[in-house]
Amino acid sequence: LMDYLDIYQQDNSGGTPYGAFIDATHGTGTVTLQNTLGASSGNRNRFSNNPLYGLCILAKGKVSLTDANISNNADGNGLFIDNSTGTGDVALSKVYAEYNREDGIQILSAGNVVLSTGYSENNGNGGTTGFGVRIDNTPALTAKTVTITNFGGSYNKDLGFWVLSDGAIILKSIAAYGNGNASATPNAAGALFDNTSGTTAGVTMTRAVNDNHFGYHSARSMPGLRILSNGAVSLSYVAAYNNDVAGVIIKNDYPGKTGGVTLTSLNVYSNDDQNLIVHTNGAVKLTTGSFSNVSGASPNVEIQSLPARGNHPNGCRHTS
């Protein structure tokens, strides 16, 4: 348990280039970094201007981090957490990562991962990569969830969000603007959510306070939002605009998968090729949406699904 750390501009004279390096892999206990002073006091855990990573945590138990600024670390990730050799969860709240040389936040876990309130922006300053938020909890022996609420990932050298999971992905009020694809990540997007490696768990996106926004991604073949899933996909309160290829791409038409797609209150416009692309084997329900000002020659909205046969009472339903 640690409370209020301010680790700024280490000189590497002690033999470690990290702002802080915590190795708790010899046991299964938790790692907790908190701030009982409260951010309103002007104090927040800080890991900045260090020679390599700002904060590196290796553990087997739960990792919990609250109230932290992680910025301007010179030759690595801002925050790196790996507790994938155990079963502990990861919980981050009010974490802000920016201007780090490579990724802002990278998490490798075998547990549930929860991010709430914060951002990871302007990462990749001179590094080979520069993701805003990169999460992988596919090492879990049984499917675990990823939940992200009120979080931003914008103006990074690579994707704003890249999430891989075997379990459900739950998203509320997230934003990704102006990210790139320096690493040539397959299926790149401003935000990429992929849970095709595990069960038939789905992807859900709605709002907690603000709508979800994905815009201004101009790198080649870079849509605003891409979702790949083995399960049902449900999106509501989503805006996507001024992206290459498409505003939103959803694909859950993998062999044997029958999850549907439900879209509510989408505002998708001014994208380079198409506004919305949906490929699914299940039912599609689109309720209240606006799709306009597409600049390409392809259809504004493209929906490919299996034929609707023998359904009662509806095979296809559209309400506007």
C-alpha atoms as a PDB file:
ATOM      1  CA  LEU A   1       0.000   0.000   0.000  1.00  0.00           C
ATOM      2  CA  MET A   2       1.434   3.351  -1.107  1.00  0.00           C
ATOM      3  CA  ASP A   3      -0.049   6.789  -0.578  1.00  0.00           C
ATOM      4  CA  TYR A   4       0.913   9.902  -2.565  1.00  0.00           C
ATOM      5  CA  LEU A   5       4.183   9.430  -4.437  1.00  0.00           C
ATOM      6  CA  ASP A   6       5.898  12.227  -6.351  1.00  0.00           C
ATOM      7  CA  ILE A   7       8.693  10.750  -8.461  1.00  0.00           C
ATOM      8  CA  TYR A   8      10.037  13.301 -10.888  1.00  0.00           C
ATOM      9  CA  GLN A   9      13.136  13.323 -13.090  1.00  0.00           C
ATOM     10  CA  GLN A  10      15.182  10.460 -11.717  1.00  0.00           C
ATOM     11  CA  ASP A  11      18.829  10.633 -12.812  1.00  0.00           C
ATOM     12  CA  ASN A  12      19.393   6.849 -13.164  1.00  0.00           C
ATOM     13  CA  SER A  13      22.331   6.980 -10.765  1.00  0.00           C
ATOM     14  CA  GLY A  14      20.800   4.209  -8.680  1.00  0.00           C
ATOM     15  CA  GLY A  15      20.875   1.768 -11.578  1.00  0.00           C
ATOM     16  CA  THR A  16      17.182   1.861 -12.500  1.00  0.00           C
ATOM     17  CA  PRO A  17      15.799   3.988 -15.311  1.00  0.00           C
ATOM     18  CA  TYR A  18      12.232   3.737 -14.005  1.00  0.00           C
ATOM     19  CA  GLY A  19      10.464   6.403 -12.042  1.00  0.00           C
ATOM     20  CA  ALA A  20       9.153   3.560  -9.875  1.00  0.00           C
ATOM     21  CA  PHE A  21       9.538  -0.188 -10.351  1.00  0.00           C
ATOM     22  CA  ILE A  22       7.378  -2.437  -8.167  1.00  0.00           C
ATOM     23  CA  ASP A  23       7.840  -6.210  -8.286  1.00  0.00           C
ATOM     24  CA  ALA A  24       5.266  -8.109  -6.236  1.00  0.00           C
ATOM     25  CA  THR A  25       5.473 -11.375  -8.176  1.00  0.00           C
ATOM     26  CA  HIS A  26       6.994 -13.313  -5.266  1.00  0.00           C
ATOM     27  CA  GLY A  27       3.572 -13.505  -3.648  1.00  0.00           C
ATOM     28  CA  THR A  28      -0.090 -12.995  -4.499  1.00  0.00           C
ATOM     29  CA  GLY A  29      -0.799  -9.859  -2.505  1.00  0.00           C
ATOM     30  CA  THR A  30      -2.315  -6.677  -3.860  1.00  0.00           C
ATOM     31  CA  VAL A  31      -0.536  -3.546  -5.018  1.00  0.00           C
ATOM     32  CA  THR A  32      -2.432  -0.368  -4.118  1.00  0.00           C
ATOM     33  CA  LEU A  33      -1.417   3.192  -4.861  1.00  0.00           C
ATOM     34  CA  GLN A  34      -3.836   5.778  -3.543  1.00  0.00           C
ATOM     35  CA  ASN A  35      -4.015   9.470  -2.685  1.00  0.00           C
ATOM     36  CA  THR A  36      -5.707  10.243   0.594  1.00  0.00           C
ATOM     37  CA  LEU A  37      -4.714  13.909   0.233  1.00  0.00           C
ATOM     38  CA  GLY A  38      -7.143  14.169  -2.668  1.00  0.00           C
ATOM     39  CA  ALA A  39      -6.522  15.764  -6.038  1.00  0.00           C
ATOM     40  CA  SER A  40      -8.432  18.859  -4.940  1.00  0.00           C
ATOM     41  CA  SER A  41      -5.504  19.700  -2.690  1.00  0.00           C
ATOM     42  CA  GLY A  42      -3.331  20.101  -5.786  1.00  0.00           C
ATOM     43  CA  ASN A  43      -1.508  16.863  -5.051  1.00  0.00           C
ATOM     44  CA  ARG A  44      -1.614  13.744  -7.191  1.00  0.00           C
ATOM     45  CA  ASN A  45       0.695  10.767  -7.514  1.00  0.00           C
ATOM     46  CA  ARG A  46       3.234  11.831 -10.135  1.00  0.00           C
ATOM     47  CA  PHE A  47       5.672   9.832 -12.269  1.00  0.00           C
ATOM     48  CA  SER A  48       7.190  12.245 -14.754  1.00  0.00           C
ATOM     49  CA  ASN A  49      10.354  13.099 -16.701  1.00  0.00           C
ATOM     50  CA  ASN A  50      12.091   9.814 -15.926  1.00  0.00           C
ATOM     51  CA  PRO A  51      14.710   8.145 -18.194  1.00  0.00           C
ATOM     52  CA  LEU A  52      12.551   5.133 -19.135  1.00  0.00           C
ATOM     53  CA  TYR A  53       9.098   4.170 -17.813  1.00  0.00           C
ATOM     54  CA  GLY A  54       7.223   6.361 -15.392  1.00  0.00           C
ATOM     55  CA  LEU A  55       5.731   3.488 -13.367  1.00  0.00           C
ATOM     56  CA  CYS A  56       6.161  -0.255 -13.871  1.00  0.00           C
ATOM     57  CA  ILE A  57       4.193  -2.757 -11.744  1.00  0.00           C
ATOM     58  CA  LEU A  58       4.660  -6.533 -11.869  1.00  0.00           C
ATOM     59  CA  ALA A  59       2.298  -8.553  -9.675  1.00  0.00           C
ATOM     60  CA  LYS A  60       0.153 -11.659  -9.313  1.00  0.00           C
ATOM     61  CA  GLY A  61      -2.595 -10.114  -7.217  1.00  0.00           C
ATOM     62  CA  LYS A  62      -4.869  -7.145  -7.755  1.00  0.00           C
ATOM     63  CA  VAL A  63      -3.371  -3.840  -8.870  1.00  0.00           C
ATOM     64  CA  SER A  64      -5.216  -0.654  -7.938  1.00  0.00           C
ATOM     65  CA  LEU A  65      -4.067   2.847  -8.879  1.00  0.00           C
ATOM     66  CA  THR A  66      -5.901   6.070  -8.052  1.00  0.00           C
ATOM     67  CA  ASP A  67      -5.081   9.708  -8.807  1.00  0.00           C
ATOM     68  CA  ALA A  68      -1.915   9.701 -10.897  1.00  0.00           C
ATOM     69  CA  ASN A  69      -0.226  11.903 -13.488  1.00  0.00           C
ATOM     70  CA  ILE A  70       2.239   9.980 -15.676  1.00  0.00           C
ATOM     71  CA  SER A  71       3.927  12.163 -18.242  1.00  0.00           C
ATOM     72  CA  ASN A  72       7.017  13.051 -20.268  1.00  0.00           C
ATOM     73  CA  ASN A  73       8.880   9.827 -19.549  1.00  0.00           C
ATOM     74  CA  ALA A  74      11.780   9.742 -21.946  1.00  0.00           C
ATOM     75  CA  ASP A  75      12.219   6.245 -23.358  1.00  0.00           C
ATOM     76  CA  GLY A  76       9.363   3.888 -22.605  1.00  0.00           C
ATOM     77  CA  ASN A  77       5.736   3.603 -21.532  1.00  0.00           C
ATOM     78  CA  GLY A  78       4.197   5.959 -19.068  1.00  0.00           C
ATOM     79  CA  LEU A  79       2.451   3.174 -17.131  1.00  0.00           C
ATOM     80  CA  PHE A  80       3.067  -0.558 -17.548  1.00  0.00           C
ATOM     81  CA  ILE A  81       1.173  -3.163 -15.500  1.00  0.00           C
ATOM     82  CA  ASP A  82       1.615  -6.927 -15.842  1.00  0.00           C
ATOM     83  CA  ASN A  83      -0.212  -9.253 -13.459  1.00  0.00           C
ATOM     84  CA  SER A  84      -0.929 -11.891 -16.096  1.00  0.00           C
ATOM     85  CA  THR A  85       0.848 -14.677 -14.166  1.00  0.00           C
ATOM     86  CA  GLY A  86      -1.763 -14.483 -11.404  1.00  0.00           C
ATOM     87  CA  THR A  87      -5.519 -13.999 -11.247  1.00  0.00           C
ATOM     88  CA  GLY A  88      -5.796 -10.478  -9.841  1.00  0.00           C
ATOM     89  CA  ASP A  89      -7.823  -7.682 -11.378  1.00  0.00           C
ATOM     90  CA  VAL A  90      -6.589  -4.240 -12.421  1.00  0.00           C
ATOM     91  CA  ALA A  91      -8.440  -1.056 -11.454  1.00  0.00           C
ATOM     92  CA  LEU A  92      -7.379   2.440 -12.521  1.00  0.00           C
ATOM     93  CA  SER A  93      -9.222   5.602 -11.549  1.00  0.00           C
ATOM     94  CA  LYS A  94      -8.303   9.215 -12.334  1.00  0.00           C
ATOM     95  CA  VAL A  95      -5.122   8.274 -14.178  1.00  0.00           C
ATOM     96  CA  TYR A  96      -3.738  10.745 -16.718  1.00  0.00           C
ATOM     97  CA  ALA A  97      -0.906   9.732 -19.073  1.00  0.00           C
ATOM     98  CA  GLU A  98       0.531  12.086 -21.682  1.00  0.00           C
ATOM     99  CA  TYR A  99       3.629  12.924 -23.715  1.00  0.00           C
ATOM    100  CA  ASN A 100       5.390   9.643 -22.972  1.00  0.00           C
ATOM    101  CA  ARG A 101       7.855   8.334 -25.548  1.00  0.00           C
ATOM    102  CA  GLU A 102       5.908   5.125 -26.215  1.00  0.00           C
ATOM    103  CA  ASP A 103       2.545   3.924 -24.871  1.00  0.00           C
ATOM    104  CA  GLY A 104       0.670   5.965 -22.321  1.00  0.00           C
ATOM    105  CA  ILE A 105      -0.966   3.000 -20.545  1.00  0.00           C
ATOM    106  CA  GLN A 106      -0.265  -0.684 -21.203  1.00  0.00           C
ATOM    107  CA  ILE A 107      -1.941  -3.446 -19.173  1.00  0.00           C
ATOM    108  CA  LEU A 108      -1.387  -7.196 -19.460  1.00  0.00           C
ATOM    109  CA  SER A 109      -3.646  -9.090 -17.067  1.00  0.00           C
ATOM    110  CA  ALA A 110      -5.407 -12.363 -16.369  1.00  0.00           C
ATOM    111  CA  GLY A 111      -8.169 -10.619 -14.445  1.00  0.00           C
ATOM    112  CA  ASN A 112     -10.916  -8.105 -14.978  1.00  0.00           C
ATOM    113  CA  VAL A 113      -9.694  -4.667 -16.025  1.00  0.00           C
ATOM    114  CA  VAL A 114     -11.514  -1.465 -15.072  1.00  0.00           C
ATOM    115  CA  LEU A 115     -10.554   2.059 -16.167  1.00  0.00           C
ATOM    116  CA  SER A 116     -12.615   4.993 -14.951  1.00  0.00           C
ATOM    117  CA  THR A 117     -12.138   8.720 -15.440  1.00  0.00           C
ATOM    118  CA  GLY A 118      -8.910   9.812 -17.061  1.00  0.00           C
ATOM    119  CA  TYR A 119      -7.102  10.042 -20.362  1.00  0.00           C
ATOM    120  CA  SER A 120      -4.028   8.909 -22.264  1.00  0.00           C
ATOM    121  CA  GLU A 121      -3.045  11.466 -24.887  1.00  0.00           C
ATOM    122  CA  ASN A 122      -0.174  12.689 -27.056  1.00  0.00           C
ATOM    123  CA  ASN A 123       1.936   9.586 -26.492  1.00  0.00           C
ATOM    124  CA  GLY A 124       4.584   8.314 -28.901  1.00  0.00           C
ATOM    125  CA  ASN A 125       6.951  11.271 -28.694  1.00  0.00           C
ATOM    126  CA  GLY A 126       9.829   9.879 -30.751  1.00  0.00           C
ATOM    127  CA  GLY A 127       9.178   6.234 -29.847  1.00  0.00           C
ATOM    128  CA  THR A 128       8.545   3.297 -32.176  1.00  0.00           C
ATOM    129  CA  THR A 129       5.025   2.915 -30.773  1.00  0.00           C
ATOM    130  CA  GLY A 130       2.677   5.251 -29.028  1.00  0.00           C
ATOM    131  CA  PHE A 131      -0.690   3.749 -28.102  1.00  0.00           C
ATOM    132  CA  GLY A 132      -2.971   5.675 -25.812  1.00  0.00           C
ATOM    133  CA  VAL A 133      -4.464   2.690 -23.958  1.00  0.00           C
ATOM    134  CA  ARG A 134      -3.410  -0.883 -24.712  1.00  0.00           C
ATOM    135  CA  ILE A 135      -5.140  -3.670 -22.745  1.00  0.00           C
ATOM    136  CA  ASP A 136      -4.846  -7.428 -23.140  1.00  0.00           C
ATOM    137  CA  ASN A 137      -6.529  -9.760 -20.641  1.00  0.00           C
ATOM    138  CA  THR A 138      -6.664 -12.804 -22.925  1.00  0.00           C
ATOM    139  CA  PRO A 139      -4.170 -14.674 -20.649  1.00  0.00           C
ATOM    140  CA  ALA A 140      -7.114 -15.292 -18.268  1.00  0.00           C
ATOM    141  CA  LEU A 141      -7.971 -18.980 -17.835  1.00  0.00           C
ATOM    142  CA  THR A 142     -11.667 -18.056 -17.837  1.00  0.00           C
ATOM    143  CA  ALA A 143     -13.072 -15.072 -19.699  1.00  0.00           C
ATOM    144  CA  LYS A 144     -12.716 -11.766 -17.852  1.00  0.00           C
ATOM    145  CA  THR A 145     -14.249  -8.410 -18.671  1.00  0.00           C
ATOM    146  CA  VAL A 146     -12.822  -5.036 -19.653  1.00  0.00           C
ATOM    147  CA  THR A 147     -14.773  -1.959 -18.540  1.00  0.00           C
ATOM    148  CA  ILE A 148     -13.821   1.590 -19.549  1.00  0.00           C
ATOM    149  CA  THR A 149     -15.798   4.627 -18.391  1.00  0.00           C
ATOM    150  CA  ASN A 150     -15.244   8.355 -18.943  1.00  0.00           C
ATOM    151  CA  PHE A 151     -11.858   7.901 -20.578  1.00  0.00           C
ATOM    152  CA  GLY A 152     -10.082   9.588 -23.486  1.00  0.00           C
ATOM    153  CA  GLY A 153      -7.394   8.350 -25.854  1.00  0.00           C
ATOM    154  CA  SER A 154      -6.480  11.053 -28.367  1.00  0.00           C
ATOM    155  CA  TYR A 155      -3.628  12.436 -30.487  1.00  0.00           C
ATOM    156  CA  ASN A 156      -1.416   9.409 -29.969  1.00  0.00           C
ATOM    157  CA  LYS A 157       1.126   8.117 -32.493  1.00  0.00           C
ATOM    158  CA  ASP A 158      -0.779   4.823 -32.611  1.00  0.00           C
ATOM    159  CA  LEU A 159      -4.326   3.789 -31.758  1.00  0.00           C
ATOM    160  CA  GLY A 160      -6.142   5.638 -29.012  1.00  0.00           C
ATOM    161  CA  PHE A 161      -7.570   2.378 -27.620  1.00  0.00           C
ATOM    162  CA  TRP A 162      -6.517  -1.165 -28.457  1.00  0.00           C
ATOM    163  CA  VAL A 163      -8.345  -3.703 -26.289  1.00  0.00           C
ATOM    164  CA  LEU A 164      -8.068  -7.491 -26.606  1.00  0.00           C
ATOM    165  CA  SER A 165     -10.232  -9.674 -24.377  1.00  0.00           C
ATOM    166  CA  ASP A 166     -11.855 -13.098 -24.152  1.00  0.00           C
ATOM    167  CA  GLY A 167     -14.743 -11.666 -22.158  1.00  0.00           C
ATOM    168  CA  ALA A 168     -17.274  -8.884 -22.425  1.00  0.00           C
ATOM    169  CA  ILE A 169     -16.092  -5.367 -23.272  1.00  0.00           C
ATOM    170  CA  ILE A 170     -18.188  -2.627 -21.650  1.00  0.00           C
ATOM    171  CA  LEU A 171     -17.642   0.981 -22.724  1.00  0.00           C
ATOM    172  CA  LYS A 172     -19.232   4.185 -21.452  1.00  0.00           C
ATOM    173  CA  SER A 173     -18.439   7.732 -22.530  1.00  0.00           C
ATOM    174  CA  ILE A 174     -15.099   7.303 -24.253  1.00  0.00           C
ATOM    175  CA  ALA A 175     -13.423   9.535 -26.821  1.00  0.00           C
ATOM    176  CA  ALA A 176     -10.694   9.072 -29.432  1.00  0.00           C
ATOM    177  CA  TYR A 177      -9.524  11.884 -31.704  1.00  0.00           C
ATOM    178  CA  GLY A 178      -6.676  12.297 -34.142  1.00  0.00           C
ATOM    179  CA  ASN A 179      -4.720   9.106 -33.502  1.00  0.00           C
ATOM    180  CA  GLY A 180      -2.291   7.455 -35.953  1.00  0.00           C
ATOM    181  CA  ASN A 181      -1.098   3.972 -36.863  1.00  0.00           C
ATOM    182  CA  ALA A 182       2.678   4.141 -36.739  1.00  0.00           C
ATOM    183  CA  SER A 183       2.950   0.424 -35.868  1.00  0.00           C
ATOM    184  CA  ALA A 184       0.774  -0.682 -38.807  1.00  0.00           C
ATOM    185  CA  THR A 185      -1.540  -2.524 -36.406  1.00  0.00           C
ATOM    186  CA  PRO A 186      -3.913  -4.920 -38.237  1.00  0.00           C
ATOM    187  CA  ASN A 187      -7.519  -3.722 -38.226  1.00  0.00           C
ATOM    188  CA  ALA A 188      -6.385  -0.339 -36.967  1.00  0.00           C
ATOM    189  CA  ALA A 189      -8.864   2.315 -35.861  1.00  0.00           C
ATOM    190  CA  GLY A 190      -8.994   5.320 -33.622  1.00  0.00           C
ATOM    191  CA  ALA A 191     -10.392   2.821 -31.114  1.00  0.00           C
ATOM    192  CA  LEU A 192     -10.211  -0.953 -31.677  1.00  0.00           C
ATOM    193  CA  PHE A 193     -12.086  -3.399 -29.444  1.00  0.00           C
ATOM    194  CA  ASP A 194     -11.592  -7.100 -30.168  1.00  0.00           C
ATOM    195  CA  ASN A 195     -12.958 -10.054 -28.198  1.00  0.00           C
ATOM    196  CA  THR A 196     -12.893 -12.642 -30.979  1.00  0.00           C
ATOM    197  CA  SER A 197     -10.399 -14.929 -29.253  1.00  0.00           C
ATOM    198  CA  GLY A 198     -12.672 -16.278 -26.553  1.00  0.00           C
ATOM    199  CA  THR A 199     -16.324 -16.916 -25.773  1.00  0.00           C
ATOM    200  CA  THR A 200     -19.413 -15.394 -27.356  1.00  0.00           C
ATOM    201  CA  ALA A 201     -19.282 -12.439 -24.974  1.00  0.00           C
ATOM    202  CA  GLY A 202     -20.313  -9.202 -26.646  1.00  0.00           C
ATOM    203  CA  VAL A 203     -19.366  -5.542 -26.794  1.00  0.00           C
ATOM    204  CA  THR A 204     -21.583  -2.828 -25.307  1.00  0.00           C
ATOM    205  CA  MET A 205     -21.126   0.922 -25.670  1.00  0.00           C
ATOM    206  CA  THR A 206     -23.365   3.561 -24.133  1.00  0.00           C
ATOM    207  CA  ARG A 207     -22.958   6.818 -22.273  1.00  0.00           C
ATOM    208  CA  ALA A 208     -22.315   7.466 -18.620  1.00  0.00           C
ATOM    209  CA  VAL A 209     -22.418  11.262 -18.939  1.00  0.00           C
ATOM    210  CA  ASN A 210     -21.203  12.312 -22.389  1.00  0.00           C
ATOM    211  CA  ASP A 211     -21.709  10.651 -25.769  1.00  0.00           C
ATOM    212  CA  ASN A 212     -18.920   8.520 -27.236  1.00  0.00           C
ATOM    213  CA  HIS A 213     -16.852  10.389 -29.854  1.00  0.00           C
ATOM    214  CA  PHE A 214     -14.468   9.152 -32.565  1.00  0.00           C
ATOM    215  CA  GLY A 215     -13.100  11.694 -34.999  1.00  0.00           C
ATOM    216  CA  TYR A 216     -10.339  13.089 -37.194  1.00  0.00           C
ATOM    217  CA  HIS A 217      -8.409   9.902 -37.957  1.00  0.00           C
ATOM    218  CA  SER A 218      -6.706  10.563 -41.287  1.00  0.00           C
ATOM    219  CA  ALA A 219      -4.157   7.724 -41.404  1.00  0.00           C
ATOM    220  CA  ARG A 220      -4.740   5.344 -44.304  1.00  0.00           C
ATOM    221  CA  SER A 221      -7.485   2.762 -43.619  1.00  0.00           C
ATOM    222  CA  MET A 222      -8.170   4.277 -40.200  1.00  0.00           C
ATOM    223  CA  PRO A 223     -11.858   4.320 -39.236  1.00  0.00           C
ATOM    224  CA  GLY A 224     -12.961   6.060 -36.080  1.00  0.00           C
ATOM    225  CA  LEU A 225     -14.270   2.948 -34.301  1.00  0.00           C
ATOM    226  CA  ARG A 226     -13.816  -0.735 -35.117  1.00  0.00           C
ATOM    227  CA  ILE A 227     -15.432  -3.572 -33.163  1.00  0.00           C
ATOM    228  CA  LEU A 228     -14.616  -7.243 -33.763  1.00  0.00           C
ATOM    229  CA  SER A 229     -16.606  -9.704 -31.668  1.00  0.00           C
ATOM    230  CA  ASN A 230     -17.885 -13.256 -31.373  1.00  0.00           C
ATOM    231  CA  GLY A 231     -20.977 -11.999 -29.582  1.00  0.00           C
ATOM    232  CA  ALA A 232     -23.724  -9.430 -29.808  1.00  0.00           C
ATOM    233  CA  VAL A 233     -22.773  -5.786 -30.300  1.00  0.00           C
ATOM    234  CA  SER A 234     -24.828  -2.927 -28.890  1.00  0.00           C
ATOM    235  CA  LEU A 235     -23.927   0.728 -29.475  1.00  0.00           C
ATOM    236  CA  SER A 236     -25.782   3.819 -28.320  1.00  0.00           C
ATOM    237  CA  TYR A 237     -24.954   7.523 -28.219  1.00  0.00           C
ATOM    238  CA  VAL A 238     -22.032   7.348 -30.620  1.00  0.00           C
ATOM    239  CA  ALA A 239     -20.700  10.113 -32.871  1.00  0.00           C
ATOM    240  CA  ALA A 240     -18.062   9.367 -35.537  1.00  0.00           C
ATOM    241  CA  TYR A 241     -16.858  11.913 -38.070  1.00  0.00           C
ATOM    242  CA  ASN A 242     -13.993  12.978 -40.347  1.00  0.00           C
ATOM    243  CA  ASN A 243     -12.320   9.553 -40.393  1.00  0.00           C
ATOM    244  CA  ASP A 244     -10.686   7.592 -43.216  1.00  0.00           C
ATOM    245  CA  VAL A 245     -12.534   4.525 -44.631  1.00  0.00           C
ATOM    246  CA  ALA A 246     -15.546   4.708 -42.301  1.00  0.00           C
ATOM    247  CA  GLY A 247     -16.886   6.222 -39.141  1.00  0.00           C
ATOM    248  CA  VAL A 248     -17.880   2.894 -37.537  1.00  0.00           C
ATOM    249  CA  ILE A 249     -17.070  -0.686 -38.565  1.00  0.00           C
ATOM    250  CA  ILE A 250     -18.665  -3.661 -36.779  1.00  0.00           C
ATOM    251  CA  LYS A 251     -17.826  -7.258 -37.628  1.00  0.00           C
ATOM    252  CA  ASN A 252     -19.277 -10.234 -35.765  1.00  0.00           C
ATOM    253  CA  ASP A 253     -20.039 -12.530 -38.698  1.00  0.00           C
ATOM    254  CA  TYR A 254     -17.479 -15.185 -37.802  1.00  0.00           C
ATOM    255  CA  PRO A 255     -18.372 -18.831 -38.599  1.00  0.00           C
ATOM    256  CA  GLY A 256     -20.974 -20.231 -36.234  1.00  0.00           C
ATOM    257  CA  LYS A 257     -21.532 -16.922 -34.435  1.00  0.00           C
ATOM    258  CA  THR A 258     -25.071 -15.568 -34.419  1.00  0.00           C
ATOM    259  CA  GLY A 259     -24.961 -12.475 -32.210  1.00  0.00           C
ATOM    260  CA  GLY A 260     -26.875  -9.521 -33.566  1.00  0.00           C
ATOM    261  CA  VAL A 261     -26.150  -5.800 -33.769  1.00  0.00           C
ATOM    262  CA  THR A 262     -28.240  -3.102 -32.063  1.00  0.00           C
ATOM    263  CA  LEU A 263     -27.583   0.560 -32.869  1.00  0.00           C
ATOM    264  CA  THR A 264     -29.320   3.462 -31.140  1.00  0.00           C
ATOM    265  CA  SER A 265     -28.736   7.214 -31.452  1.00  0.00           C
ATOM    266  CA  LEU A 266     -25.764   7.139 -33.812  1.00  0.00           C
ATOM    267  CA  ASN A 267     -24.589  10.365 -35.455  1.00  0.00           C
ATOM    268  CA  VAL A 268     -22.073   9.414 -38.164  1.00  0.00           C
ATOM    269  CA  TYR A 269     -21.032  11.889 -40.828  1.00  0.00           C
ATOM    270  CA  SER A 270     -18.340  13.325 -43.108  1.00  0.00           C
ATOM    271  CA  ASN A 271     -16.209  10.191 -43.267  1.00  0.00           C
ATOM    272  CA  ASP A 272     -14.006   9.508 -46.289  1.00  0.00           C
ATOM    273  CA  ASP A 273     -15.513   6.327 -47.725  1.00  0.00           C
ATOM    274  CA  GLN A 274     -18.532   5.068 -45.802  1.00  0.00           C
ATOM    275  CA  ASN A 275     -20.190   6.147 -42.600  1.00  0.00           C
ATOM    276  CA  LEU A 276     -21.284   2.773 -41.211  1.00  0.00           C
ATOM    277  CA  ILE A 277     -20.274  -0.811 -42.086  1.00  0.00           C
ATOM    278  CA  VAL A 278     -21.908  -3.792 -40.346  1.00  0.00           C
ATOM    279  CA  HIS A 279     -21.130  -7.445 -41.132  1.00  0.00           C
ATOM    280  CA  THR A 280     -23.102  -9.873 -38.977  1.00  0.00           C
ATOM    281  CA  ASN A 281     -24.802 -13.271 -39.005  1.00  0.00           C
ATOM    282  CA  GLY A 282     -27.480 -12.060 -36.594  1.00  0.00           C
ATOM    283  CA  ALA A 283     -30.347  -9.609 -36.567  1.00  0.00           C
ATOM    284  CA  VAL A 284     -29.709  -5.901 -37.025  1.00  0.00           C
ATOM    285  CA  LYS A 285     -31.781  -3.252 -35.232  1.00  0.00           C
ATOM    286  CA  LEU A 286     -31.160   0.416 -36.013  1.00  0.00           C
ATOM    287  CA  THR A 287     -33.147   2.928 -33.991  1.00  0.00           C
ATOM    288  CA  THR A 288     -32.711   6.674 -34.370  1.00  0.00           C
ATOM    289  CA  GLY A 289     -29.613   7.587 -36.323  1.00  0.00           C
ATOM    290  CA  SER A 290     -28.143  10.142 -38.682  1.00  0.00           C
ATOM    291  CA  PHE A 291     -25.711   9.268 -41.483  1.00  0.00           C
ATOM    292  CA  SER A 292     -24.690  12.095 -43.800  1.00  0.00           C
ATOM    293  CA  ASN A 293     -22.038  13.763 -45.949  1.00  0.00           C
ATOM    294  CA  VAL A 294     -20.047  10.685 -46.868  1.00  0.00           C
ATOM    295  CA  SER A 295     -17.351  11.639 -49.393  1.00  0.00           C
ATOM    296  CA  GLY A 296     -16.599   8.283 -51.042  1.00  0.00           C
ATOM    297  CA  ALA A 297     -18.348   6.476 -53.872  1.00  0.00           C
ATOM    298  CA  SER A 298     -19.329   3.504 -51.661  1.00  0.00           C
ATOM    299  CA  PRO A 299     -22.735   3.280 -49.954  1.00  0.00           C
ATOM    300  CA  ASN A 300     -23.291   5.616 -47.006  1.00  0.00           C
ATOM    301  CA  VAL A 301     -24.415   2.662 -44.860  1.00  0.00           C
ATOM    302  CA  GLU A 302     -23.470  -0.952 -45.617  1.00  0.00           C
ATOM    303  CA  ILE A 303     -25.154  -3.808 -43.736  1.00  0.00           C
ATOM    304  CA  GLN A 304     -24.405  -7.413 -44.634  1.00  0.00           C
ATOM    305  CA  SER A 305     -26.233 -10.140 -42.726  1.00  0.00           C
ATOM    306  CA  LEU A 306     -27.669 -13.592 -43.278  1.00  0.00           C
ATOM    307  CA  PRO A 307     -31.088 -13.644 -44.941  1.00  0.00           C
ATOM    308  CA  ALA A 308     -33.936 -13.087 -42.513  1.00  0.00           C
ATOM    309  CA  ARG A 309     -36.046 -16.212 -42.989  1.00  0.00           C
ATOM    310  CA  GLY A 310     -38.661 -17.871 -40.854  1.00  0.00           C
ATOM    311  CA  ASN A 311     -38.653 -15.103 -38.262  1.00  0.00           C
ATOM    312  CA  HIS A 312     -41.659 -14.197 -36.157  1.00  0.00           C
ATOM    313  CA  PRO A 313     -42.719 -11.497 -35.859  1.00  0.00           C
ATOM    314  CA  ASN A 314     -39.785  -9.584 -37.448  1.00  0.00           C
ATOM    315  CA  GLY A 315     -36.827 -10.618 -39.552  1.00  0.00           C
ATOM    316  CA  CYS A 316     -35.598  -7.046 -39.967  1.00  0.00           C
ATOM    317  CA  ARG A 317     -36.682  -3.951 -38.075  1.00  0.00           C
ATOM    318  CA  HIS A 318     -35.831  -0.317 -38.723  1.00  0.00           C
ATOM    319  CA  THR A 319     -37.242   2.530 -36.653  1.00  0.00           C
ATOM    320  CA  SER A 320     -36.373   6.189 -37.233  1.00  0.00           C
END
